[in-house]
Amino acid sequence: MRHTVKLLTKGSEQVVVFPADCRFDCDEVYVRRDPKTGDVILSRRPGNWDSFFELVDSLNIPDDFMSDHDQKEKPEKKLF
C-alpha cells in the first residue's frame, strides 16, 4: 500500500512523519541515495554479503539451476 507522508523542517534538518504501519522498530535507520534514480532509500540495516548468502542458502536453489543456459565463451582479448 502506498502512503503520502508529511515532511517537516526543523532548523537545518528535514523530518519525515511515517504512518503507524510504516514505522521502524529501532532507534536508527540507514539512509542512502540511489545514484541512478536519485531515490532516497531507508532500511533497518544495510545489506551485506553474509546476509545475501544466508538468503541464497535459505531458498534451496537446485544444483542444476540454469544448467541449460547457453553461455557462449568469451573470446580472448589481447591486453596490450
N, C-alpha and C. Protein backbone atom coordinates (compact mmCIF):
# COMPACT_ATOMS: atom_id res chain seq x y z
N MET A 1 0.84 -1.18 0.00
CA MET A 1 0.00 0.00 0.00
C MET A 1 0.89 1.24 0.00
N ARG A 2 0.55 2.20 -0.79
CA ARG A 2 1.32 3.41 -0.90
C ARG A 2 0.73 4.49 0.01
N HIS A 3 1.60 5.23 0.68
CA HIS A 3 1.18 6.31 1.57
C HIS A 3 1.83 7.62 1.13
N THR A 4 1.17 8.70 1.39
CA THR A 4 1.79 10.02 1.26
C THR A 4 2.12 10.46 2.68
N VAL A 5 3.34 10.94 2.88
CA VAL A 5 3.76 11.32 4.23
C VAL A 5 4.06 12.81 4.28
N LYS A 6 4.08 13.34 5.47
CA LYS A 6 4.38 14.76 5.68
C LYS A 6 5.87 14.96 5.87
N LEU A 7 6.40 16.02 5.34
CA LEU A 7 7.78 16.42 5.54
C LEU A 7 7.78 17.72 6.33
N LEU A 8 8.55 17.75 7.40
CA LEU A 8 8.65 18.95 8.24
C LEU A 8 10.10 19.40 8.26
N THR A 9 10.33 20.68 8.48
CA THR A 9 11.68 21.19 8.59
C THR A 9 11.88 21.70 10.01
N LYS A 10 12.97 21.22 10.63
CA LYS A 10 13.36 21.66 11.98
C LYS A 10 14.78 22.15 11.88
N GLY A 11 14.95 23.45 11.86
CA GLY A 11 16.29 24.01 11.69
C GLY A 11 16.83 23.64 10.33
N SER A 12 17.99 22.99 10.33
CA SER A 12 18.60 22.59 9.06
C SER A 12 18.29 21.13 8.72
N GLU A 13 17.42 20.48 9.50
CA GLU A 13 17.09 19.08 9.26
C GLU A 13 15.67 18.94 8.72
N GLN A 14 15.46 17.87 8.00
CA GLN A 14 14.14 17.56 7.47
C GLN A 14 13.63 16.32 8.21
N VAL A 15 12.36 16.33 8.60
CA VAL A 15 11.76 15.24 9.35
C VAL A 15 10.65 14.62 8.51
N VAL A 16 10.63 13.29 8.47
CA VAL A 16 9.59 12.56 7.75
C VAL A 16 8.65 11.97 8.79
N VAL A 17 7.35 12.20 8.64
CA VAL A 17 6.36 11.66 9.56
C VAL A 17 5.74 10.42 8.91
N PHE A 18 6.04 9.25 9.48
CA PHE A 18 5.56 7.98 8.93
C PHE A 18 4.19 7.61 9.49
N PRO A 19 3.34 6.99 8.69
CA PRO A 19 2.10 6.43 9.23
C PRO A 19 2.45 5.26 10.16
N ALA A 20 1.55 4.91 11.06
CA ALA A 20 1.82 3.89 12.07
C ALA A 20 2.29 2.56 11.47
N ASP A 21 1.71 2.12 10.37
CA ASP A 21 2.08 0.82 9.82
C ASP A 21 3.39 0.83 9.05
N CYS A 22 4.04 1.98 8.95
CA CYS A 22 5.33 2.07 8.26
C CYS A 22 6.46 2.45 9.20
N ARG A 23 6.20 2.54 10.48
CA ARG A 23 7.23 2.97 11.43
C ARG A 23 8.28 1.89 11.61
N PHE A 24 9.50 2.34 11.90
CA PHE A 24 10.60 1.44 12.17
C PHE A 24 10.55 1.00 13.63
N ASP A 25 11.00 -0.22 13.92
CA ASP A 25 11.02 -0.73 15.28
C ASP A 25 12.44 -0.69 15.87
N CYS A 26 13.18 0.37 15.54
CA CYS A 26 14.55 0.52 16.01
C CYS A 26 14.83 2.00 16.24
N ASP A 27 16.02 2.28 16.79
CA ASP A 27 16.39 3.67 17.10
C ASP A 27 17.09 4.38 15.96
N GLU A 28 17.68 3.62 15.05
CA GLU A 28 18.41 4.20 13.93
C GLU A 28 18.05 3.48 12.65
N VAL A 29 18.14 4.18 11.53
CA VAL A 29 17.98 3.56 10.22
C VAL A 29 19.12 4.04 9.34
N TYR A 30 19.39 3.27 8.30
CA TYR A 30 20.41 3.63 7.34
C TYR A 30 19.73 4.33 6.17
N VAL A 31 20.39 5.32 5.64
CA VAL A 31 19.83 6.07 4.51
C VAL A 31 20.88 6.19 3.42
N ARG A 32 20.43 6.05 2.19
CA ARG A 32 21.33 6.27 1.05
C ARG A 32 20.51 6.78 -0.12
N ARG A 33 21.17 7.40 -1.05
CA ARG A 33 20.51 7.88 -2.26
C ARG A 33 20.98 7.03 -3.42
N ASP A 34 20.05 6.49 -4.17
CA ASP A 34 20.39 5.69 -5.34
C ASP A 34 21.02 6.60 -6.38
N PRO A 35 22.25 6.30 -6.81
CA PRO A 35 22.93 7.20 -7.74
C PRO A 35 22.27 7.31 -9.11
N LYS A 36 21.55 6.28 -9.53
CA LYS A 36 20.91 6.32 -10.85
C LYS A 36 19.58 7.06 -10.83
N THR A 37 18.76 6.78 -9.82
CA THR A 37 17.41 7.34 -9.80
C THR A 37 17.28 8.57 -8.91
N GLY A 38 18.19 8.73 -7.95
CA GLY A 38 18.09 9.82 -7.00
C GLY A 38 17.14 9.52 -5.85
N ASP A 39 16.51 8.32 -5.87
CA ASP A 39 15.59 7.95 -4.79
C ASP A 39 16.34 7.81 -3.48
N VAL A 40 15.69 8.19 -2.39
CA VAL A 40 16.24 8.01 -1.05
C VAL A 40 15.72 6.68 -0.52
N ILE A 41 16.62 5.85 -0.01
CA ILE A 41 16.27 4.51 0.45
C ILE A 41 16.60 4.39 1.93
N LEU A 42 15.61 3.99 2.71
CA LEU A 42 15.80 3.79 4.15
C LEU A 42 15.74 2.29 4.44
N SER A 43 16.56 1.83 5.37
CA SER A 43 16.49 0.44 5.79
C SER A 43 16.94 0.30 7.23
N ARG A 44 16.47 -0.76 7.88
CA ARG A 44 16.87 -1.01 9.26
C ARG A 44 18.34 -1.37 9.36
N ARG A 45 18.84 -2.04 8.36
CA ARG A 45 20.26 -2.40 8.35
C ARG A 45 20.74 -2.45 6.91
N PRO A 46 21.99 -2.13 6.69
CA PRO A 46 22.49 -2.18 5.32
C PRO A 46 22.68 -3.63 4.88
N GLY A 47 22.59 -3.86 3.60
CA GLY A 47 22.84 -5.20 3.08
C GLY A 47 24.32 -5.54 3.19
N ASN A 48 24.61 -6.81 3.33
CA ASN A 48 25.99 -7.26 3.34
C ASN A 48 26.05 -8.64 2.68
N TRP A 49 27.24 -9.08 2.38
CA TRP A 49 27.39 -10.35 1.67
C TRP A 49 26.93 -11.52 2.53
N ASP A 50 27.17 -11.47 3.84
CA ASP A 50 26.75 -12.58 4.70
C ASP A 50 25.24 -12.78 4.64
N SER A 51 24.48 -11.68 4.74
CA SER A 51 23.02 -11.82 4.69
C SER A 51 22.56 -12.26 3.29
N PHE A 52 23.29 -11.84 2.25
CA PHE A 52 22.95 -12.27 0.90
C PHE A 52 23.10 -13.79 0.77
N PHE A 53 24.24 -14.33 1.22
CA PHE A 53 24.46 -15.76 1.09
C PHE A 53 23.54 -16.57 1.99
N GLU A 54 23.18 -16.03 3.15
CA GLU A 54 22.18 -16.69 4.00
C GLU A 54 20.85 -16.79 3.27
N LEU A 55 20.48 -15.72 2.60
CA LEU A 55 19.24 -15.72 1.83
C LEU A 55 19.30 -16.75 0.71
N VAL A 56 20.38 -16.77 -0.03
CA VAL A 56 20.53 -17.73 -1.13
C VAL A 56 20.44 -19.16 -0.60
N ASP A 57 21.12 -19.42 0.53
CA ASP A 57 21.07 -20.77 1.11
C ASP A 57 19.66 -21.15 1.56
N SER A 58 18.90 -20.18 2.03
CA SER A 58 17.55 -20.47 2.52
C SER A 58 16.56 -20.75 1.39
N LEU A 59 16.90 -20.40 0.16
CA LEU A 59 15.99 -20.56 -0.97
C LEU A 59 15.99 -21.96 -1.56
N ASN A 60 16.93 -22.79 -1.17
CA ASN A 60 17.02 -24.16 -1.69
C ASN A 60 17.03 -24.19 -3.22
N ILE A 61 17.95 -23.47 -3.79
CA ILE A 61 18.09 -23.41 -5.25
C ILE A 61 18.69 -24.73 -5.72
N PRO A 62 18.08 -25.37 -6.70
CA PRO A 62 18.61 -26.66 -7.17
C PRO A 62 20.02 -26.52 -7.74
N ASP A 63 20.80 -27.59 -7.58
CA ASP A 63 22.19 -27.58 -8.08
C ASP A 63 22.25 -27.37 -9.59
N ASP A 64 21.23 -27.82 -10.31
CA ASP A 64 21.25 -27.69 -11.77
C ASP A 64 20.56 -26.41 -12.25
N PHE A 65 20.34 -25.47 -11.37
CA PHE A 65 19.71 -24.21 -11.75
C PHE A 65 20.51 -23.55 -12.88
N MET A 66 19.84 -23.24 -13.95
CA MET A 66 20.40 -22.60 -15.14
C MET A 66 21.45 -23.45 -15.85
N SER A 67 21.46 -24.76 -15.60
CA SER A 67 22.45 -25.61 -16.27
C SER A 67 22.19 -25.69 -17.77
N ASP A 68 20.95 -25.43 -18.17
CA ASP A 68 20.65 -25.47 -19.60
C ASP A 68 20.83 -24.11 -20.27
N HIS A 69 21.32 -23.14 -19.51
CA HIS A 69 21.55 -21.80 -20.04
C HIS A 69 22.77 -21.84 -20.96
N ASP A 70 22.60 -21.40 -22.18
CA ASP A 70 23.67 -21.45 -23.17
C ASP A 70 24.53 -20.20 -23.06
N GLN A 71 25.67 -20.32 -22.40
CA GLN A 71 26.60 -19.20 -22.30
C GLN A 71 27.71 -19.40 -23.31
N LYS A 72 27.88 -18.43 -24.13
CA LYS A 72 28.94 -18.51 -25.12
C LYS A 72 30.27 -18.10 -24.46
N GLU A 73 31.31 -18.80 -24.85
CA GLU A 73 32.61 -18.45 -24.31
C GLU A 73 33.07 -17.11 -24.86
N LYS A 74 33.67 -16.32 -24.00
CA LYS A 74 34.17 -15.02 -24.43
C LYS A 74 35.49 -15.21 -25.17
N PRO A 75 35.64 -14.51 -26.26
CA PRO A 75 36.92 -14.62 -26.98
C PRO A 75 38.03 -13.97 -26.16
N GLU A 76 39.22 -14.53 -26.29
CA GLU A 76 40.36 -13.96 -25.58
C GLU A 76 40.70 -12.60 -26.17
N LYS A 77 41.05 -11.68 -25.28
CA LYS A 77 41.42 -10.34 -25.73
C LYS A 77 42.90 -10.10 -25.46
N LYS A 78 43.52 -9.41 -26.36
CA LYS A 78 44.90 -9.01 -26.13
C LYS A 78 44.89 -7.76 -25.27
N LEU A 79 45.53 -7.81 -24.12
CA LEU A 79 45.53 -6.66 -23.22
C LEU A 79 46.44 -5.54 -23.72
N PHE A 80 47.54 -5.91 -24.32
CA PHE A 80 48.46 -4.88 -24.78
C PHE A 80 48.92 -5.15 -26.18
